Amino acid sequence: MFREKFSTALIVMWLAAGAVFGGIWYLATGHLPPLWVRIAAPIVLLPILTPLEAALARRNRHRGTVS
């Protein structure tokens, strides 16, 4: 069963998604995202990325140790 915790993969995905979001904002507006967006983005991304990370963990576990 999936354990509710912050894994390294989730943190890396969270940071990468935040960087992509900030990059899109910068390309669209020409300015860095305001503070409220920098605070809201991780809150919005967490419920999106948590199931994705769980699915990747299940897929990796089912694949076994085959490289």
Protein backbone atom coordinates (compact mmCIF):
# COMPACT_ATOMS: atom_id res chain seq x y z
CA MET A 1 0.00 0.00 0.00
CA PHE A 2 1.14 3.55 -0.63
CA ARG A 3 2.61 5.25 2.43
CA GLU A 4 1.60 8.87 2.98
CA LYS A 5 4.92 10.69 3.16
CA PHE A 6 7.03 13.06 1.15
CA SER A 7 9.41 10.99 -0.94
CA THR A 8 12.46 12.30 -2.76
CA ALA A 9 10.71 11.70 -6.09
CA LEU A 10 7.72 13.78 -5.00
CA ILE A 11 9.92 16.66 -3.89
CA VAL A 12 11.87 16.61 -7.18
CA MET A 13 8.63 16.47 -9.20
CA TRP A 14 7.20 19.31 -7.06
CA LEU A 15 10.24 21.52 -7.66
CA ALA A 16 10.32 20.73 -11.38
CA ALA A 17 6.61 21.46 -11.79
CA GLY A 18 7.02 24.74 -9.90
CA ALA A 19 9.93 25.73 -12.13
CA VAL A 20 7.92 24.91 -15.26
CA PHE A 21 4.95 26.88 -13.92
CA GLY A 22 7.17 29.87 -13.11
CA GLY A 23 8.82 29.65 -16.54
CA ILE A 24 5.48 29.65 -18.32
CA TRP A 25 4.35 32.62 -16.23
CA TYR A 26 7.56 34.48 -17.09
CA LEU A 27 7.26 33.73 -20.82
CA ALA A 28 3.60 34.77 -20.86
CA THR A 29 3.94 38.01 -18.89
CA GLY A 30 7.61 38.98 -19.04
CA HIS A 31 7.71 39.27 -15.23
CA LEU A 32 8.46 36.85 -12.43
CA PRO A 33 5.36 35.44 -10.70
CA PRO A 34 4.05 37.57 -7.82
CA LEU A 35 4.36 36.34 -4.26
CA TRP A 36 0.77 35.12 -4.02
CA VAL A 37 1.32 32.86 -7.04
CA ARG A 38 4.56 31.49 -5.58
CA ILE A 39 2.66 30.61 -2.40
CA ALA A 40 -0.41 29.20 -4.17
CA ALA A 41 1.39 27.11 -6.81
CA PRO A 42 2.83 24.48 -4.43
CA ILE A 43 -0.51 24.17 -2.66
CA VAL A 44 -2.26 23.57 -5.99
CA LEU A 45 0.46 21.24 -7.31
CA LEU A 46 0.58 18.94 -4.27
CA PRO A 47 -2.82 17.24 -4.77
CA ILE A 48 -2.01 16.84 -8.47
CA LEU A 49 1.48 15.39 -8.01
CA THR A 50 0.78 13.08 -5.04
CA PRO A 51 -1.37 10.59 -7.03
CA LEU A 52 1.06 10.80 -9.94
CA GLU A 53 3.98 9.91 -7.66
CA ALA A 54 1.96 7.06 -6.12
CA ALA A 55 1.17 5.67 -9.56
CA LEU A 56 4.84 5.83 -10.54
CA ALA A 57 5.82 4.07 -7.31
CA ARG A 58 3.27 1.29 -7.94
CA ARG A 59 4.45 0.92 -11.54
CA ASN A 60 8.06 0.71 -10.43
CA ARG A 61 7.24 -1.88 -7.75
CA HIS A 62 5.35 -4.04 -10.29
CA ARG A 63 8.24 -3.92 -12.73
CA GLY A 64 10.58 -5.44 -10.15
CA THR A 65 14.33 -4.95 -10.24
CA VAL A 66 14.75 -5.59 -13.96
CA SER A 67 16.91 -2.88 -15.55
